[in-house]
C-alpha cells in the first residue's frame, strides 16, 4: 500500500539519522525495504530514516526506490565509504513554497546579506557582529576554524599540517585528513537530506555559490567545528584499516546525541527567517499530491506575494 499523505510520516527532525549500505541488493518488503547480502536479509524501517546512502556494489529495485520515496526518506548514491556524492532522490514535500521563498532571499542582494549575517551569527553566538563587512566576517570565521584545528590537535596529540588531500588518490592523504573528509561527507549527506526534505534547493547557497550543493555547504559549515574536526582528530590518534567506517559510526552516534536533525531544521528556518510557516503552506500538496496549483500572474509581483 502506497502512502499518499505525507502528514502520516515522521517529520525529518524526528528521523533516525542515516544508513550507509554497500555490496548488497535492496528489495521492497511489505511497506518497507529489505537489504540482502552474503550474511543474510535485514529489514530496514525506511519511514524512520532520514537518509539512505547507497555505496558501491549496491543494486536496488524499482519498487524499493518507490517505497523509499513514498516514506519521505532521501536516498543518495555515493562513493566508497560515503566520501563522494553522485546523485539523490526526492524528499518529503510536494510543495514549492519554501523553494520560492529561498530563491527570493537568494536573488535579492539585501536579503541575501541578511541571511549571510544570520549564518555567521549562529557561529559567533553572544558576539556582536553588527557593522562587520562580509570580508571581516570571513576573516573572523577563518580564525575560529584555525582555532578549532589547533585545539583538537593539542587535545589528541595529532600533528596538523593543514587541510590537504588528493581527490584522485585518497590513500595518499594523512589519517586526519581522510577522517575529516569522511566526517564532512556524512554531514553533507545529512544537511542535503534536511534541505531537500523541507523543500529547499541545495543549489541556492548564500555564502557558497555556483555549485549544485552550495546551500548544503552553507548549512554544514554551521556544525563542522563542533562535530567533524573533534571526531577526525579523535579517530586519527590510532587509525586502523577501518578508519573511515569508525568515523561514520562516531558521527552517527554524535548526530543522535546532539539531536542534530532537529537543530538543522531549526537553524535553516532561523537563517532564512522564514516566519509563520502557515503562510507558506496554504495549499496542502503534502496531503494531496494531485491538488492543482495556482498560475503565476503579474499581481503577485506587485504585491510581493509569491505564487
C-alpha atoms as a PDB file:
ATOM      1  CA  UNK A   1       0.000   0.000   0.000  1.00  0.00           C
ATOM      2  CA  UNK A   2       1.455   3.337  -1.001  1.00  0.00           C
ATOM      3  CA  UNK A   3       1.460   6.203   1.468  1.00  0.00           C
ATOM      4  CA  UNK A   4      -0.484   9.102  -0.013  1.00  0.00           C
ATOM      5  CA  UNK A   5      -0.491  11.640   2.811  1.00  0.00           C
ATOM      6  CA  UNK A   6       2.972  12.804   3.888  1.00  0.00           C
ATOM      7  CA  UNK A   7       1.455  14.044   7.161  1.00  0.00           C
ATOM      8  CA  UNK A   8       1.247  10.378   8.223  1.00  0.00           C
ATOM      9  CA  UNK A   9       5.054  10.125   8.253  1.00  0.00           C
ATOM     10  CA  UNK A  10       7.514  11.214  10.942  1.00  0.00           C
ATOM     11  CA  UNK A  11       8.938  14.662  10.249  1.00  0.00           C
ATOM     12  CA  UNK A  12      12.589  14.928   9.238  1.00  0.00           C
ATOM     13  CA  UNK A  13      13.533  16.368  12.631  1.00  0.00           C
ATOM     14  CA  UNK A  14      12.199  13.157  14.271  1.00  0.00           C
ATOM     15  CA  UNK A  15      14.119  10.779  11.996  1.00  0.00           C
ATOM     16  CA  UNK A  16      16.859   8.332  12.931  1.00  0.00           C
ATOM     17  CA  UNK A  17      19.796   9.842  11.111  1.00  0.00           C
ATOM     18  CA  UNK A  18      21.191   7.874   8.156  1.00  0.00           C
ATOM     19  CA  UNK A  19      22.134   4.392   6.962  1.00  0.00           C
ATOM     20  CA  UNK A  20      25.076   3.533   4.689  1.00  0.00           C
ATOM     21  CA  UNK A  21      24.842   0.370   2.546  1.00  0.00           C
ATOM     22  CA  UNK A  22      27.276  -1.233   0.107  1.00  0.00           C
ATOM     23  CA  UNK A  23      27.708  -4.552  -1.741  1.00  0.00           C
ATOM     24  CA  UNK A  24      24.127  -5.696  -1.252  1.00  0.00           C
ATOM     25  CA  UNK A  25      20.762  -5.956  -3.018  1.00  0.00           C
ATOM     26  CA  UNK A  26      17.817  -3.902  -1.797  1.00  0.00           C
ATOM     27  CA  UNK A  27      14.234  -5.004  -2.425  1.00  0.00           C
ATOM     28  CA  UNK A  28      10.800  -3.803  -1.402  1.00  0.00           C
ATOM     29  CA  UNK A  29       9.385  -5.749   1.566  1.00  0.00           C
ATOM     30  CA  UNK A  30       5.775  -5.093   2.584  1.00  0.00           C
ATOM     31  CA  UNK A  31       5.657  -1.337   3.404  1.00  0.00           C
ATOM     32  CA  UNK A  32       9.428  -1.120   3.948  1.00  0.00           C
ATOM     33  CA  UNK A  33      12.587  -2.359   2.252  1.00  0.00           C
ATOM     34  CA  UNK A  34      14.978  -5.222   2.911  1.00  0.00           C
ATOM     35  CA  UNK A  35      18.721  -5.494   2.362  1.00  0.00           C
ATOM     36  CA  UNK A  36      20.281  -8.830   1.347  1.00  0.00           C
ATOM     37  CA  UNK A  37      23.994  -9.642   1.318  1.00  0.00           C
ATOM     38  CA  UNK A  38      26.184 -12.707   1.955  1.00  0.00           C
ATOM     39  CA  UNK A  39      25.303 -12.604   5.652  1.00  0.00           C
ATOM     40  CA  UNK A  40      21.544 -12.739   5.146  1.00  0.00           C
ATOM     41  CA  UNK A  41      18.474 -10.498   4.973  1.00  0.00           C
ATOM     42  CA  UNK A  42      17.791  -7.414   7.108  1.00  0.00           C
ATOM     43  CA  UNK A  43      14.557  -5.401   7.003  1.00  0.00           C
ATOM     44  CA  UNK A  44      15.021  -1.620   7.062  1.00  0.00           C
ATOM     45  CA  UNK A  45      12.377   0.748   8.545  1.00  0.00           C
ATOM     46  CA  UNK A  46      12.925   3.465   5.933  1.00  0.00           C
ATOM     47  CA  UNK A  47       9.999   5.557   7.306  1.00  0.00           C
ATOM     48  CA  UNK A  48      12.127   6.198  10.405  1.00  0.00           C
ATOM     49  CA  UNK A  49      15.264   7.059   8.448  1.00  0.00           C
ATOM     50  CA  UNK A  50      16.166  10.461   7.037  1.00  0.00           C
ATOM     51  CA  UNK A  51      18.818   9.327   4.606  1.00  0.00           C
ATOM     52  CA  UNK A  52      19.931   6.096   2.935  1.00  0.00           C
ATOM     53  CA  UNK A  53      23.400   6.250   1.380  1.00  0.00           C
ATOM     54  CA  UNK A  54      23.977   3.703  -1.422  1.00  0.00           C
ATOM     55  CA  UNK A  55      27.649   2.891  -1.826  1.00  0.00           C
ATOM     56  CA  UNK A  56      29.487   0.742  -4.410  1.00  0.00           C
ATOM     57  CA  UNK A  57      28.122  -2.688  -5.198  1.00  0.00           C
ATOM     58  CA  UNK A  58      24.521  -1.887  -4.308  1.00  0.00           C
ATOM     59  CA  UNK A  59      21.612  -2.756  -6.530  1.00  0.00           C
ATOM     60  CA  UNK A  60      18.097  -1.606  -5.793  1.00  0.00           C
ATOM     61  CA  UNK A  61      14.766  -2.442  -7.347  1.00  0.00           C
ATOM     62  CA  UNK A  62      12.237  -0.006  -8.771  1.00  0.00           C
ATOM     63  CA  UNK A  63       9.717  -0.980  -6.071  1.00  0.00           C
ATOM     64  CA  UNK A  64      12.265  -0.347  -3.319  1.00  0.00           C
ATOM     65  CA  UNK A  65      13.015   3.152  -4.638  1.00  0.00           C
ATOM     66  CA  UNK A  66       9.273   3.860  -4.845  1.00  0.00           C
ATOM     67  CA  UNK A  67       8.803   2.706  -1.233  1.00  0.00           C
ATOM     68  CA  UNK A  68      11.692   4.876  -0.015  1.00  0.00           C
ATOM     69  CA  UNK A  69      10.282   7.925  -1.819  1.00  0.00           C
ATOM     70  CA  UNK A  70       6.755   7.265  -0.511  1.00  0.00           C
ATOM     71  CA  UNK A  71       8.137   7.186   3.036  1.00  0.00           C
ATOM     72  CA  UNK A  72       9.821  10.574   2.734  1.00  0.00           C
ATOM     73  CA  UNK A  73      13.333   9.155   3.079  1.00  0.00           C
ATOM     74  CA  UNK A  74      16.024  10.687   0.911  1.00  0.00           C
ATOM     75  CA  UNK A  75      18.267   8.268  -0.976  1.00  0.00           C
ATOM     76  CA  UNK A  76      21.670   9.276  -2.332  1.00  0.00           C
ATOM     77  CA  UNK A  77      24.213   7.436  -4.437  1.00  0.00           C
ATOM     78  CA  UNK A  78      27.723   7.922  -3.108  1.00  0.00           C
ATOM     79  CA  UNK A  79      31.269   6.601  -3.410  1.00  0.00           C
ATOM     80  CA  UNK A  80      33.122   4.144  -1.214  1.00  0.00           C
ATOM     81  CA  UNK A  81      32.899   4.981   2.476  1.00  0.00           C
ATOM     82  CA  UNK A  82      30.432   7.719   1.594  1.00  0.00           C
ATOM     83  CA  UNK A  83      33.185  10.157   0.637  1.00  0.00           C
ATOM     84  CA  UNK A  84      31.735  11.233  -2.699  1.00  0.00           C
ATOM     85  CA  UNK A  85      28.201  12.335  -3.555  1.00  0.00           C
ATOM     86  CA  UNK A  86      26.828  11.454  -7.010  1.00  0.00           C
ATOM     87  CA  UNK A  87      23.040  11.857  -7.062  1.00  0.00           C
ATOM     88  CA  UNK A  88      19.938  11.991  -4.887  1.00  0.00           C
ATOM     89  CA  UNK A  89      16.241  11.138  -4.933  1.00  0.00           C
ATOM     90  CA  UNK A  90      13.272  13.179  -3.697  1.00  0.00           C
ATOM     91  CA  UNK A  91      12.403  14.492  -0.243  1.00  0.00           C
ATOM     92  CA  UNK A  92       9.242  14.574   1.811  1.00  0.00           C
ATOM     93  CA  UNK A  93       7.416  17.602   0.485  1.00  0.00           C
ATOM     94  CA  UNK A  94       5.385  18.211  -2.669  1.00  0.00           C
ATOM     95  CA  UNK A  95       5.116  21.975  -2.304  1.00  0.00           C
ATOM     96  CA  UNK A  96       7.435  24.547  -3.913  1.00  0.00           C
ATOM     97  CA  UNK A  97       6.586  27.353  -1.441  1.00  0.00           C
ATOM     98  CA  UNK A  98       9.825  27.122   0.534  1.00  0.00           C
ATOM     99  CA  UNK A  99      11.844  26.848  -2.649  1.00  0.00           C
ATOM    100  CA  UNK A 100      10.304  30.062  -3.980  1.00  0.00           C
ATOM    101  CA  UNK A 101      10.922  31.780  -0.640  1.00  0.00           C
ATOM    102  CA  UNK A 102      14.572  30.681  -0.654  1.00  0.00           C
ATOM    103  CA  UNK A 103      15.005  31.889  -4.242  1.00  0.00           C
ATOM    104  CA  UNK A 104      13.570  35.297  -3.313  1.00  0.00           C
ATOM    105  CA  UNK A 105      16.027  35.605  -0.413  1.00  0.00           C
ATOM    106  CA  UNK A 106      18.891  34.499  -2.653  1.00  0.00           C
ATOM    107  CA  UNK A 107      18.426  36.827  -5.612  1.00  0.00           C
ATOM    108  CA  UNK A 108      17.783  39.998  -3.564  1.00  0.00           C
ATOM    109  CA  UNK A 109      21.271  41.310  -2.537  1.00  0.00           C
ATOM    110  CA  UNK A 110      19.993  42.988   0.643  1.00  0.00           C
ATOM    111  CA  UNK A 111      18.003  39.964   1.815  1.00  0.00           C
ATOM    112  CA  UNK A 112      20.893  37.673   0.875  1.00  0.00           C
ATOM    113  CA  UNK A 113      23.298  39.705   3.007  1.00  0.00           C
ATOM    114  CA  UNK A 114      20.881  39.452   5.938  1.00  0.00           C
ATOM    115  CA  UNK A 115      20.865  35.645   5.580  1.00  0.00           C
ATOM    116  CA  UNK A 116      24.673  35.582   5.400  1.00  0.00           C
ATOM    117  CA  UNK A 117      24.916  37.592   8.630  1.00  0.00           C
ATOM    118  CA  UNK A 118      22.448  35.314  10.381  1.00  0.00           C
ATOM    119  CA  UNK A 119      24.620  32.339   9.350  1.00  0.00           C
ATOM    120  CA  UNK A 120      27.660  33.958  10.919  1.00  0.00           C
ATOM    121  CA  UNK A 121      25.638  34.956  13.998  1.00  0.00           C
ATOM    122  CA  UNK A 122      24.991  31.254  14.679  1.00  0.00           C
ATOM    123  CA  UNK A 123      28.765  30.666  14.579  1.00  0.00           C
ATOM    124  CA  UNK A 124      29.536  33.606  16.871  1.00  0.00           C
ATOM    125  CA  UNK A 125      26.807  33.226  19.485  1.00  0.00           C
ATOM    126  CA  UNK A 126      26.850  36.066  22.016  1.00  0.00           C
ATOM    127  CA  UNK A 127      29.305  38.151  20.000  1.00  0.00           C
ATOM    128  CA  UNK A 128      28.490  41.493  18.389  1.00  0.00           C
ATOM    129  CA  UNK A 129      28.953  41.296  14.628  1.00  0.00           C
ATOM    130  CA  UNK A 130      26.737  44.182  13.529  1.00  0.00           C
ATOM    131  CA  UNK A 131      28.697  46.608  11.364  1.00  0.00           C
ATOM    132  CA  UNK A 132      31.218  44.000  10.166  1.00  0.00           C
ATOM    133  CA  UNK A 133      31.610  43.585   6.431  1.00  0.00           C
ATOM    134  CA  UNK A 134      31.396  40.177   4.778  1.00  0.00           C
ATOM    135  CA  UNK A 135      35.181  40.138   4.327  1.00  0.00           C
ATOM    136  CA  UNK A 136      35.635  40.898   8.024  1.00  0.00           C
ATOM    137  CA  UNK A 137      33.210  38.108   8.915  1.00  0.00           C
ATOM    138  CA  UNK A 138      35.128  35.685   6.691  1.00  0.00           C
ATOM    139  CA  UNK A 139      38.354  36.685   8.405  1.00  0.00           C
ATOM    140  CA  UNK A 140      36.757  36.140  11.787  1.00  0.00           C
ATOM    141  CA  UNK A 141      35.487  32.737  10.634  1.00  0.00           C
ATOM    142  CA  UNK A 142      38.965  31.754   9.442  1.00  0.00           C
ATOM    143  CA  UNK A 143      40.363  32.500  12.903  1.00  0.00           C
ATOM    144  CA  UNK A 144      37.578  30.432  14.507  1.00  0.00           C
ATOM    145  CA  UNK A 145      38.253  27.399  12.285  1.00  0.00           C
ATOM    146  CA  UNK A 146      42.029  27.550  12.718  1.00  0.00           C
ATOM    147  CA  UNK A 147      41.459  27.716  16.463  1.00  0.00           C
ATOM    148  CA  UNK A 148      39.316  24.567  16.303  1.00  0.00           C
ATOM    149  CA  UNK A 149      42.098  22.700  14.429  1.00  0.00           C
ATOM    150  CA  UNK A 150      44.685  23.898  16.944  1.00  0.00           C
ATOM    151  CA  UNK A 151      42.643  22.875  19.989  1.00  0.00           C
ATOM    152  CA  UNK A 152      41.819  19.420  18.560  1.00  0.00           C
ATOM    153  CA  UNK A 153      45.452  18.827  17.553  1.00  0.00           C
ATOM    154  CA  UNK A 154      46.644  19.740  21.039  1.00  0.00           C
ATOM    155  CA  UNK A 155      43.923  17.721  22.813  1.00  0.00           C
ATOM    156  CA  UNK A 156      44.521  14.474  20.902  1.00  0.00           C
ATOM    157  CA  UNK A 157      48.242  14.874  20.199  1.00  0.00           C
ATOM    158  CA  UNK A 158      47.798  14.596  16.430  1.00  0.00           C
ATOM    159  CA  UNK A 159      50.073  16.804  14.312  1.00  0.00           C
ATOM    160  CA  UNK A 160      48.171  19.141  11.987  1.00  0.00           C
ATOM    161  CA  UNK A 161      49.826  20.310   8.776  1.00  0.00           C
ATOM    162  CA  UNK A 162      46.717  21.782   7.171  1.00  0.00           C
ATOM    163  CA  UNK A 163      43.826  20.572   5.041  1.00  0.00           C
ATOM    164  CA  UNK A 164      45.472  18.582   2.295  1.00  0.00           C
ATOM    165  CA  UNK A 165      44.210  15.667   0.203  1.00  0.00           C
ATOM    166  CA  UNK A 166      44.171  14.455  -3.393  1.00  0.00           C
ATOM    167  CA  UNK A 167      40.697  13.727  -4.679  1.00  0.00           C
ATOM    168  CA  UNK A 168      42.094  11.179  -7.189  1.00  0.00           C
ATOM    169  CA  UNK A 169      44.410   9.494  -4.701  1.00  0.00           C
ATOM    170  CA  UNK A 170      42.508   9.071  -1.485  1.00  0.00           C
ATOM    171  CA  UNK A 171      45.070   6.893   0.303  1.00  0.00           C
ATOM    172  CA  UNK A 172      47.838   9.488  -0.062  1.00  0.00           C
ATOM    173  CA  UNK A 173      46.192  11.803   2.488  1.00  0.00           C
ATOM    174  CA  UNK A 174      47.260  11.532   6.122  1.00  0.00           C
ATOM    175  CA  UNK A 175      44.793   9.851   8.530  1.00  0.00           C
ATOM    176  CA  UNK A 176      43.376  13.041   9.998  1.00  0.00           C
ATOM    177  CA  UNK A 177      42.630  14.474   6.545  1.00  0.00           C
ATOM    178  CA  UNK A 178      40.938  11.212   5.496  1.00  0.00           C
ATOM    179  CA  UNK A 179      38.937  11.227   8.713  1.00  0.00           C
ATOM    180  CA  UNK A 180      37.902  14.835   8.116  1.00  0.00           C
ATOM    181  CA  UNK A 181      36.719  14.029   4.594  1.00  0.00           C
ATOM    182  CA  UNK A 182      34.708  11.055   5.825  1.00  0.00           C
ATOM    183  CA  UNK A 183      33.104  13.100   8.611  1.00  0.00           C
ATOM    184  CA  UNK A 184      32.341  16.007   6.281  1.00  0.00           C
ATOM    185  CA  UNK A 185      30.772  13.632   3.759  1.00  0.00           C
ATOM    186  CA  UNK A 186      28.363  12.274   6.378  1.00  0.00           C
ATOM    187  CA  UNK A 187      27.476  15.798   7.435  1.00  0.00           C
ATOM    188  CA  UNK A 188      26.911  16.900   3.827  1.00  0.00           C
ATOM    189  CA  UNK A 189      24.579  13.959   3.256  1.00  0.00           C
ATOM    190  CA  UNK A 190      22.531  14.765   6.331  1.00  0.00           C
ATOM    191  CA  UNK A 191      22.309  18.504   5.596  1.00  0.00           C
ATOM    192  CA  UNK A 192      21.416  17.683   2.000  1.00  0.00           C
ATOM    193  CA  UNK A 193      18.646  15.400   3.235  1.00  0.00           C
ATOM    194  CA  UNK A 194      17.291  18.119   5.534  1.00  0.00           C
ATOM    195  CA  UNK A 195      17.311  20.743   2.779  1.00  0.00           C
ATOM    196  CA  UNK A 196      15.574  18.534   0.214  1.00  0.00           C
ATOM    197  CA  UNK A 197      13.131  17.105   2.761  1.00  0.00           C
ATOM    198  CA  UNK A 198      11.998  20.602   3.763  1.00  0.00           C
ATOM    199  CA  UNK A 199      11.511  21.623   0.152  1.00  0.00           C
ATOM    200  CA  UNK A 200      14.523  23.915  -0.333  1.00  0.00           C
ATOM    201  CA  UNK A 201      17.109  23.814  -3.084  1.00  0.00           C
ATOM    202  CA  UNK A 202      20.615  22.511  -2.285  1.00  0.00           C
ATOM    203  CA  UNK A 203      21.985  24.704  -5.093  1.00  0.00           C
ATOM    204  CA  UNK A 204      20.764  28.119  -3.892  1.00  0.00           C
ATOM    205  CA  UNK A 205      23.541  28.973  -1.450  1.00  0.00           C
ATOM    206  CA  UNK A 206      24.168  32.285   0.272  1.00  0.00           C
ATOM    207  CA  UNK A 207      27.829  32.207   1.329  1.00  0.00           C
ATOM    208  CA  UNK A 208      28.778  29.461  -1.138  1.00  0.00           C
ATOM    209  CA  UNK A 209      27.585  29.912  -4.693  1.00  0.00           C
ATOM    210  CA  UNK A 210      27.771  28.399  -8.159  1.00  0.00           C
ATOM    211  CA  UNK A 211      27.558  24.695  -7.301  1.00  0.00           C
ATOM    212  CA  UNK A 212      24.644  22.298  -7.011  1.00  0.00           C
ATOM    213  CA  UNK A 213      25.396  21.816  -3.300  1.00  0.00           C
ATOM    214  CA  UNK A 214      26.137  25.425  -2.348  1.00  0.00           C
ATOM    215  CA  UNK A 215      23.384  25.601   0.281  1.00  0.00           C
ATOM    216  CA  UNK A 216      24.481  22.199   1.644  1.00  0.00           C
ATOM    217  CA  UNK A 217      27.968  23.620   2.248  1.00  0.00           C
ATOM    218  CA  UNK A 218      26.447  26.731   3.877  1.00  0.00           C
ATOM    219  CA  UNK A 219      24.438  24.676   6.365  1.00  0.00           C
ATOM    220  CA  UNK A 220      27.145  22.058   7.024  1.00  0.00           C
ATOM    221  CA  UNK A 221      29.650  24.777   7.912  1.00  0.00           C
ATOM    222  CA  UNK A 222      27.499  25.614  10.940  1.00  0.00           C
ATOM    223  CA  UNK A 223      28.451  22.294  12.569  1.00  0.00           C
ATOM    224  CA  UNK A 224      31.890  21.249  11.291  1.00  0.00           C
ATOM    225  CA  UNK A 225      33.932  22.735  14.121  1.00  0.00           C
ATOM    226  CA  UNK A 226      31.670  21.163  16.760  1.00  0.00           C
ATOM    227  CA  UNK A 227      31.433  17.705  15.180  1.00  0.00           C
ATOM    228  CA  UNK A 228      33.737  16.869  12.262  1.00  0.00           C
ATOM    229  CA  UNK A 229      37.008  18.365  13.499  1.00  0.00           C
ATOM    230  CA  UNK A 230      36.964  16.811  17.007  1.00  0.00           C
ATOM    231  CA  UNK A 231      35.866  13.401  15.665  1.00  0.00           C
ATOM    232  CA  UNK A 232      38.535  13.388  12.937  1.00  0.00           C
ATOM    233  CA  UNK A 233      41.357  14.077  15.397  1.00  0.00           C
ATOM    234  CA  UNK A 234      39.941  11.633  17.942  1.00  0.00           C
ATOM    235  CA  UNK A 235      39.870   8.792  15.398  1.00  0.00           C
ATOM    236  CA  UNK A 236      43.221   9.742  13.844  1.00  0.00           C
ATOM    237  CA  UNK A 237      45.046   9.049  17.122  1.00  0.00           C
ATOM    238  CA  UNK A 238      45.094   5.306  16.392  1.00  0.00           C
ATOM    239  CA  UNK A 239      43.943   4.983  12.758  1.00  0.00           C
ATOM    240  CA  UNK A 240      43.182   1.420  11.754  1.00  0.00           C
ATOM    241  CA  UNK A 241      42.166  -0.154   8.443  1.00  0.00           C
ATOM    242  CA  UNK A 242      38.549   0.828   9.133  1.00  0.00           C
ATOM    243  CA  UNK A 243      39.245   4.495   9.889  1.00  0.00           C
ATOM    244  CA  UNK A 244      36.536   5.894   7.613  1.00  0.00           C
ATOM    245  CA  UNK A 245      33.956   3.418   8.946  1.00  0.00           C
ATOM    246  CA  UNK A 246      34.917   4.256  12.519  1.00  0.00           C
ATOM    247  CA  UNK A 247      34.411   7.952  11.749  1.00  0.00           C
ATOM    248  CA  UNK A 248      30.986   7.338  10.241  1.00  0.00           C
ATOM    249  CA  UNK A 249      29.848   5.340  13.271  1.00  0.00           C
ATOM    250  CA  UNK A 250      31.097   8.044  15.655  1.00  0.00           C
ATOM    251  CA  UNK A 251      29.347  10.697  13.555  1.00  0.00           C
ATOM    252  CA  UNK A 252      26.122   8.692  13.665  1.00  0.00           C
ATOM    253  CA  UNK A 253      26.245   8.497  17.443  1.00  0.00           C
ATOM    254  CA  UNK A 254      27.036  12.181  17.924  1.00  0.00           C
ATOM    255  CA  UNK A 255      24.349  13.263  15.463  1.00  0.00           C
ATOM    256  CA  UNK A 256      21.812  11.357  17.553  1.00  0.00           C
ATOM    257  CA  UNK A 257      23.187  12.558  20.911  1.00  0.00           C
ATOM    258  CA  UNK A 258      23.207  16.188  19.777  1.00  0.00           C
ATOM    259  CA  UNK A 259      19.723  15.987  18.194  1.00  0.00           C
ATOM    260  CA  UNK A 260      21.298  17.378  15.059  1.00  0.00           C
ATOM    261  CA  UNK A 261      18.328  16.636  12.800  1.00  0.00           C
ATOM    262  CA  UNK A 262      16.150  18.969  14.848  1.00  0.00           C
ATOM    263  CA  UNK A 263      18.937  21.566  15.068  1.00  0.00           C
ATOM    264  CA  UNK A 264      19.408  21.609  11.290  1.00  0.00           C
ATOM    265  CA  UNK A 265      15.702  22.201  10.699  1.00  0.00           C
ATOM    266  CA  UNK A 266      15.557  24.980  13.314  1.00  0.00           C
ATOM    267  CA  UNK A 267      18.760  26.623  12.048  1.00  0.00           C
ATOM    268  CA  UNK A 268      17.592  26.634   8.421  1.00  0.00           C
ATOM    269  CA  UNK A 269      14.345  28.314   9.469  1.00  0.00           C
ATOM    270  CA  UNK A 270      16.326  30.810  11.566  1.00  0.00           C
ATOM    271  CA  UNK A 271      18.849  31.796   8.905  1.00  0.00           C
ATOM    272  CA  UNK A 272      16.125  32.204   6.284  1.00  0.00           C
ATOM    273  CA  UNK A 273      13.891  33.984   8.827  1.00  0.00           C
ATOM    274  CA  UNK A 274      11.016  32.005   7.432  1.00  0.00           C
ATOM    275  CA  UNK A 275       8.490  33.415   9.892  1.00  0.00           C
ATOM    276  CA  UNK A 276       4.986  31.979  10.049  1.00  0.00           C
ATOM    277  CA  UNK A 277       5.039  28.582   8.391  1.00  0.00           C
ATOM    278  CA  UNK A 278       1.277  28.670   7.873  1.00  0.00           C
ATOM    279  CA  UNK A 279       1.702  31.411   5.289  1.00  0.00           C
ATOM    280  CA  UNK A 280       3.982  29.121   3.306  1.00  0.00           C
ATOM    281  CA  UNK A 281       1.665  26.131   3.345  1.00  0.00           C
ATOM    282  CA  UNK A 282      -1.760  27.482   2.477  1.00  0.00           C
ATOM    283  CA  UNK A 283      -2.054  24.839  -0.247  1.00  0.00           C
ATOM    284  CA  UNK A 284      -1.576  21.418   1.293  1.00  0.00           C
ATOM    285  CA  UNK A 285       0.024  19.422  -1.502  1.00  0.00           C
ATOM    286  CA  UNK A 286       1.558  17.043   1.040  1.00  0.00           C
ATOM    287  CA  UNK A 287      -1.886  15.575   1.746  1.00  0.00           C
ATOM    288  CA  UNK A 288      -2.999  15.654  -1.875  1.00  0.00           C
ATOM    289  CA  UNK A 289      -0.235  15.465  -4.476  1.00  0.00           C
ATOM    290  CA  UNK A 290      -2.761  15.850  -7.307  1.00  0.00           C
ATOM    291  CA  UNK A 291      -4.193  19.139  -5.955  1.00  0.00           C
ATOM    292  CA  UNK A 292      -3.990  21.696  -8.800  1.00  0.00           C
ATOM    293  CA  UNK A 293      -1.654  24.628  -8.157  1.00  0.00           C
ATOM    294  CA  UNK A 294      -2.230  28.325  -8.979  1.00  0.00           C
ATOM    295  CA  UNK A 295      -0.917  30.074 -12.072  1.00  0.00           C
ATOM    296  CA  UNK A 296       1.615  32.892 -11.893  1.00  0.00           C
ATOM    297  CA  UNK A 297       0.356  36.394 -12.549  1.00  0.00           C
ATOM    298  CA  UNK A 298       1.826  39.879 -12.529  1.00  0.00           C
ATOM    299  CA  UNK A 299      -0.271  40.940  -9.498  1.00  0.00           C
ATOM    300  CA  UNK A 300       1.843  38.630  -7.331  1.00  0.00           C
ATOM    301  CA  UNK A 301       4.913  40.673  -8.315  1.00  0.00           C
ATOM    302  CA  UNK A 302       3.279  43.998  -7.424  1.00  0.00           C
ATOM    303  CA  UNK A 303       2.025  42.727  -4.050  1.00  0.00           C
ATOM    304  CA  UNK A 304       5.284  40.925  -3.253  1.00  0.00           C
ATOM    305  CA  UNK A 305       3.447  37.681  -2.507  1.00  0.00           C
ATOM    306  CA  UNK A 306       4.989  34.593  -4.090  1.00  0.00           C
ATOM    307  CA  UNK A 307       2.710  32.384  -6.198  1.00  0.00           C
END
